[in-house]
Amino acid sequence: MRKKKWEPRTSTEKKSGYTTFCGLWDGVDKDGKPIGGAMYMNDEDAARLEKEKGRKR
């Protein structure tokens, strides 16, 4: 069985523990109107991601 690749946890809301900006998201709401906004990464996952980037260099 293959091990699942680790993915950082993200949220469309800035809340406790999710304050690291990581990009934008977009889509449509239930009425078909375009929506979107900022996406935030879990702070612990952001630190892990930076650490892993440093190892690859």
PDB file of N, CA and C in Angstrom:
ATOM      1  N   MET A   1       0.837  -1.178   0.000  1.00  0.00           N
ATOM      2  CA  MET A   1       0.000   0.000   0.000  1.00  0.00           C
ATOM      3  C   MET A   1       0.885   1.247   0.000  1.00  0.00           C
ATOM      4  N   ARG A   2       0.588   2.184  -0.902  1.00  0.00           N
ATOM      5  CA  ARG A   2       1.388   3.401  -0.978  1.00  0.00           C
ATOM      6  C   ARG A   2       1.009   4.381   0.115  1.00  0.00           C
ATOM      7  N   LYS A   3       2.005   5.052   0.597  1.00  0.00           N
ATOM      8  CA  LYS A   3       1.789   6.056   1.622  1.00  0.00           C
ATOM      9  C   LYS A   3       1.217   7.314   0.972  1.00  0.00           C
ATOM     10  N   LYS A   4       0.196   7.892   1.570  1.00  0.00           N
ATOM     11  CA  LYS A   4      -0.422   9.097   1.029  1.00  0.00           C
ATOM     12  C   LYS A   4       0.522  10.285   1.207  1.00  0.00           C
ATOM     13  N   LYS A   5       0.664  11.080   0.171  1.00  0.00           N
ATOM     14  CA  LYS A   5       1.528  12.259   0.227  1.00  0.00           C
ATOM     15  C   LYS A   5       0.962  13.263   1.224  1.00  0.00           C
ATOM     16  N   TRP A   6       1.831  13.824   2.041  1.00  0.00           N
ATOM     17  CA  TRP A   6       1.421  14.796   3.033  1.00  0.00           C
ATOM     18  C   TRP A   6       0.984  16.093   2.358  1.00  0.00           C
ATOM     19  N   GLU A   7      -0.142  16.622   2.776  1.00  0.00           N
ATOM     20  CA  GLU A   7      -0.658  17.891   2.268  1.00  0.00           C
ATOM     21  C   GLU A   7      -0.913  18.812   3.468  1.00  0.00           C
ATOM     22  N   PRO A   8      -0.530  20.086   3.366  1.00  0.00           N
ATOM     23  CA  PRO A   8      -0.809  21.007   4.467  1.00  0.00           C
ATOM     24  C   PRO A   8      -2.308  21.287   4.599  1.00  0.00           C
ATOM     25  N   ARG A   9      -2.740  21.503   5.827  1.00  0.00           N
ATOM     26  CA  ARG A   9      -4.146  21.827   6.071  1.00  0.00           C
ATOM     27  C   ARG A   9      -4.376  23.290   5.739  1.00  0.00           C
ATOM     28  N   THR A  10      -5.492  23.590   5.078  1.00  0.00           N
ATOM     29  CA  THR A  10      -5.800  24.963   4.696  1.00  0.00           C
ATOM     30  C   THR A  10      -7.229  25.327   5.091  1.00  0.00           C
ATOM     31  N   SER A  11      -7.506  26.627   5.097  1.00  0.00           N
ATOM     32  CA  SER A  11      -8.824  27.135   5.427  1.00  0.00           C
ATOM     33  C   SER A  11      -9.101  28.374   4.589  1.00  0.00           C
ATOM     34  N   THR A  12     -10.361  28.608   4.270  1.00  0.00           N
ATOM     35  CA  THR A  12     -10.731  29.818   3.541  1.00  0.00           C
ATOM     36  C   THR A  12     -10.982  30.972   4.500  1.00  0.00           C
ATOM     37  N   GLU A  13     -10.922  30.699   5.800  1.00  0.00           N
ATOM     38  CA  GLU A  13     -11.126  31.729   6.816  1.00  0.00           C
ATOM     39  C   GLU A  13      -9.851  31.908   7.638  1.00  0.00           C
ATOM     40  N   LYS A  14      -9.575  33.150   8.002  1.00  0.00           N
ATOM     41  CA  LYS A  14      -8.452  33.409   8.895  1.00  0.00           C
ATOM     42  C   LYS A  14      -8.970  33.200  10.313  1.00  0.00           C
ATOM     43  N   LYS A  15      -8.487  32.148  10.953  1.00  0.00           N
ATOM     44  CA  LYS A  15      -8.937  31.819  12.303  1.00  0.00           C
ATOM     45  C   LYS A  15      -7.746  31.371  13.129  1.00  0.00           C
ATOM     46  N   SER A  16      -7.968  31.078  14.373  1.00  0.00           N
ATOM     47  CA  SER A  16      -6.895  30.672  15.265  1.00  0.00           C
ATOM     48  C   SER A  16      -6.165  29.458  14.704  1.00  0.00           C
ATOM     49  N   GLY A  17      -4.843  29.576  14.547  1.00  0.00           N
ATOM     50  CA  GLY A  17      -4.043  28.479  14.030  1.00  0.00           C
ATOM     51  C   GLY A  17      -3.904  28.476  12.517  1.00  0.00           C
ATOM     52  N   TYR A  18      -4.687  29.282  11.829  1.00  0.00           N
ATOM     53  CA  TYR A  18      -4.642  29.370  10.369  1.00  0.00           C
ATOM     54  C   TYR A  18      -4.430  30.830   9.965  1.00  0.00           C
ATOM     55  N   THR A  19      -3.196  31.319  10.112  1.00  0.00           N
ATOM     56  CA  THR A  19      -2.931  32.733   9.839  1.00  0.00           C
ATOM     57  C   THR A  19      -1.896  32.948   8.741  1.00  0.00           C
ATOM     58  N   THR A  20      -1.296  31.890   8.200  1.00  0.00           N
ATOM     59  CA  THR A  20      -0.277  32.023   7.168  1.00  0.00           C
ATOM     60  C   THR A  20      -0.945  32.062   5.790  1.00  0.00           C
ATOM     61  N   PHE A  21      -0.877  33.206   5.110  1.00  0.00           N
ATOM     62  CA  PHE A  21      -1.474  33.346   3.789  1.00  0.00           C
ATOM     63  C   PHE A  21      -0.784  32.399   2.816  1.00  0.00           C
ATOM     64  N   CYS A  22      -1.564  31.661   2.017  1.00  0.00           N
ATOM     65  CA  CYS A  22      -0.939  30.712   1.093  1.00  0.00           C
ATOM     66  C   CYS A  22      -1.505  30.768  -0.324  1.00  0.00           C
ATOM     67  N   GLY A  23      -2.404  31.688  -0.600  1.00  0.00           N
ATOM     68  CA  GLY A  23      -2.907  31.801  -1.959  1.00  0.00           C
ATOM     69  C   GLY A  23      -4.342  32.292  -2.010  1.00  0.00           C
ATOM     70  N   LEU A  24      -4.919  32.191  -3.191  1.00  0.00           N
ATOM     71  CA  LEU A  24      -6.291  32.637  -3.417  1.00  0.00           C
ATOM     72  C   LEU A  24      -7.141  31.459  -3.893  1.00  0.00           C
ATOM     73  N   TRP A  25      -8.436  31.542  -3.660  1.00  0.00           N
ATOM     74  CA  TRP A  25      -9.355  30.530  -4.145  1.00  0.00           C
ATOM     75  C   TRP A  25     -10.500  31.233  -4.852  1.00  0.00           C
ATOM     76  N   ASP A  26     -11.138  30.531  -5.773  1.00  0.00           N
ATOM     77  CA  ASP A  26     -12.309  31.089  -6.431  1.00  0.00           C
ATOM     78  C   ASP A  26     -13.280  29.977  -6.772  1.00  0.00           C
ATOM     79  N   GLY A  27     -14.499  30.366  -7.061  1.00  0.00           N
ATOM     80  CA  GLY A  27     -15.544  29.404  -7.378  1.00  0.00           C
ATOM     81  C   GLY A  27     -16.842  30.140  -7.611  1.00  0.00           C
ATOM     82  N   VAL A  28     -17.952  29.426  -7.490  1.00  0.00           N
ATOM     83  CA  VAL A  28     -19.277  30.039  -7.634  1.00  0.00           C
ATOM     84  C   VAL A  28     -20.138  29.634  -6.448  1.00  0.00           C
ATOM     85  N   ASP A  29     -21.017  30.538  -6.035  1.00  0.00           N
ATOM     86  CA  ASP A  29     -21.914  30.214  -4.932  1.00  0.00           C
ATOM     87  C   ASP A  29     -23.145  29.485  -5.471  1.00  0.00           C
ATOM     88  N   LYS A  30     -24.098  29.193  -4.587  1.00  0.00           N
ATOM     89  CA  LYS A  30     -25.261  28.404  -4.996  1.00  0.00           C
ATOM     90  C   LYS A  30     -26.143  29.122  -6.015  1.00  0.00           C
ATOM     91  N   ASP A  31     -25.996  30.459  -6.125  1.00  0.00           N
ATOM     92  CA  ASP A  31     -26.760  31.230  -7.106  1.00  0.00           C
ATOM     93  C   ASP A  31     -26.003  31.425  -8.410  1.00  0.00           C
ATOM     94  N   GLY A  32     -24.796  30.861  -8.499  1.00  0.00           N
ATOM     95  CA  GLY A  32     -24.004  30.965  -9.710  1.00  0.00           C
ATOM     96  C   GLY A  32     -23.150  32.221  -9.796  1.00  0.00           C
ATOM     97  N   LYS A  33     -23.096  32.986  -8.706  1.00  0.00           N
ATOM     98  CA  LYS A  33     -22.277  34.200  -8.686  1.00  0.00           C
ATOM     99  C   LYS A  33     -20.833  33.843  -8.336  1.00  0.00           C
ATOM    100  N   PRO A  34     -19.867  34.499  -9.003  1.00  0.00           N
ATOM    101  CA  PRO A  34     -18.466  34.199  -8.677  1.00  0.00           C
ATOM    102  C   PRO A  34     -18.117  34.646  -7.259  1.00  0.00           C
ATOM    103  N   ILE A  35     -17.379  33.793  -6.559  1.00  0.00           N
ATOM    104  CA  ILE A  35     -16.913  34.109  -5.211  1.00  0.00           C
ATOM    105  C   ILE A  35     -15.441  33.747  -5.117  1.00  0.00           C
ATOM    106  N   GLY A  36     -14.795  34.207  -4.092  1.00  0.00           N
ATOM    107  CA  GLY A  36     -13.390  33.868  -3.896  1.00  0.00           C
ATOM    108  C   GLY A  36     -12.824  34.634  -2.722  1.00  0.00           C
ATOM    109  N   GLY A  37     -11.533  34.451  -2.491  1.00  0.00           N
ATOM    110  CA  GLY A  37     -10.884  35.135  -1.386  1.00  0.00           C
ATOM    111  C   GLY A  37      -9.531  34.551  -1.083  1.00  0.00           C
ATOM    112  N   ALA A  38      -9.028  34.916   0.073  1.00  0.00           N
ATOM    113  CA  ALA A  38      -7.711  34.455   0.504  1.00  0.00           C
ATOM    114  C   ALA A  38      -7.819  33.065   1.127  1.00  0.00           C
ATOM    115  N   MET A  39      -6.733  32.328   1.036  1.00  0.00           N
ATOM    116  CA  MET A  39      -6.654  31.001   1.645  1.00  0.00           C
ATOM    117  C   MET A  39      -5.517  31.020   2.660  1.00  0.00           C
ATOM    118  N   TYR A  40      -5.732  30.388   3.796  1.00  0.00           N
ATOM    119  CA  TYR A  40      -4.750  30.398   4.870  1.00  0.00           C
ATOM    120  C   TYR A  40      -4.326  28.979   5.211  1.00  0.00           C
ATOM    121  N   MET A  41      -3.046  28.822   5.541  1.00  0.00           N
ATOM    122  CA  MET A  41      -2.486  27.520   5.893  1.00  0.00           C
ATOM    123  C   MET A  41      -2.319  27.429   7.408  1.00  0.00           C
ATOM    124  N   ASN A  42      -2.463  26.212   7.910  1.00  0.00           N
ATOM    125  CA  ASN A  42      -2.230  25.963   9.321  1.00  0.00           C
ATOM    126  C   ASN A  42      -0.789  26.356   9.652  1.00  0.00           C
ATOM    127  N   ASP A  43      -0.596  27.093  10.729  1.00  0.00           N
ATOM    128  CA  ASP A  43       0.724  27.617  11.084  1.00  0.00           C
ATOM    129  C   ASP A  43       1.763  26.522  11.299  1.00  0.00           C
ATOM    130  N   GLU A  44       1.375  25.422  11.923  1.00  0.00           N
ATOM    131  CA  GLU A  44       2.303  24.309  12.146  1.00  0.00           C
ATOM    132  C   GLU A  44       2.702  23.675  10.818  1.00  0.00           C
ATOM    133  N   ASP A  45       1.749  23.544   9.902  1.00  0.00           N
ATOM    134  CA  ASP A  45       2.040  22.970   8.594  1.00  0.00           C
ATOM    135  C   ASP A  45       2.934  23.898   7.781  1.00  0.00           C
ATOM    136  N   ALA A  46       2.745  25.209   7.921  1.00  0.00           N
ATOM    137  CA  ALA A  46       3.586  26.180   7.219  1.00  0.00           C
ATOM    138  C   ALA A  46       5.039  26.055   7.678  1.00  0.00           C
ATOM    139  N   ALA A  47       5.244  25.871   8.972  1.00  0.00           N
ATOM    140  CA  ALA A  47       6.598  25.701   9.505  1.00  0.00           C
ATOM    141  C   ALA A  47       7.213  24.403   8.975  1.00  0.00           C
ATOM    142  N   ARG A  48       6.426  23.337   8.922  1.00  0.00           N
ATOM    143  CA  ARG A  48       6.921  22.055   8.398  1.00  0.00           C
ATOM    144  C   ARG A  48       7.290  22.188   6.917  1.00  0.00           C
ATOM    145  N   LEU A  49       6.470  22.896   6.151  1.00  0.00           N
ATOM    146  CA  LEU A  49       6.718  23.086   4.730  1.00  0.00           C
ATOM    147  C   LEU A  49       8.015  23.850   4.500  1.00  0.00           C
ATOM    148  N   GLU A  50       8.249  24.895   5.275  1.00  0.00           N
ATOM    149  CA  GLU A  50       9.496  25.668   5.171  1.00  0.00           C
ATOM    150  C   GLU A  50      10.701  24.807   5.523  1.00  0.00           C
ATOM    151  N   LYS A  51      10.547  23.971   6.540  1.00  0.00           N
ATOM    152  CA  LYS A  51      11.630  23.090   6.971  1.00  0.00           C
ATOM    153  C   LYS A  51      11.978  22.093   5.859  1.00  0.00           C
ATOM    154  N   GLU A  52      10.959  21.528   5.216  1.00  0.00           N
ATOM    155  CA  GLU A  52      11.170  20.570   4.142  1.00  0.00           C
ATOM    156  C   GLU A  52      11.795  21.244   2.916  1.00  0.00           C
ATOM    157  N   LYS A  53      11.415  22.478   2.626  1.00  0.00           N
ATOM    158  CA  LYS A  53      12.016  23.211   1.511  1.00  0.00           C
ATOM    159  C   LYS A  53      13.505  23.413   1.754  1.00  0.00           C
ATOM    160  N   GLY A  54      13.878  23.703   2.990  1.00  0.00           N
ATOM    161  CA  GLY A  54      15.270  23.910   3.344  1.00  0.00           C
ATOM    162  C   GLY A  54      16.099  22.659   3.149  1.00  0.00           C
ATOM    163  N   ARG A  55      15.535  21.474   3.391  1.00  0.00           N
ATOM    164  CA  ARG A  55      16.258  20.205   3.228  1.00  0.00           C
ATOM    165  C   ARG A  55      16.540  19.909   1.757  1.00  0.00           C
ATOM    166  N   LYS A  56      15.632  20.304   0.866  1.00  0.00           N
ATOM    167  CA  LYS A  56      15.776  19.991  -0.552  1.00  0.00           C
ATOM    168  C   LYS A  56      16.833  20.843  -1.237  1.00  0.00           C
ATOM    169  N   ARG A  57      17.178  21.980  -0.665  1.00  0.00           N
ATOM    170  CA  ARG A  57      18.152  22.881  -1.292  1.00  0.00           C
ATOM    171  C   ARG A  57      19.547  22.407  -1.099  1.00  0.00           C
TER     172      ARG A  57
END
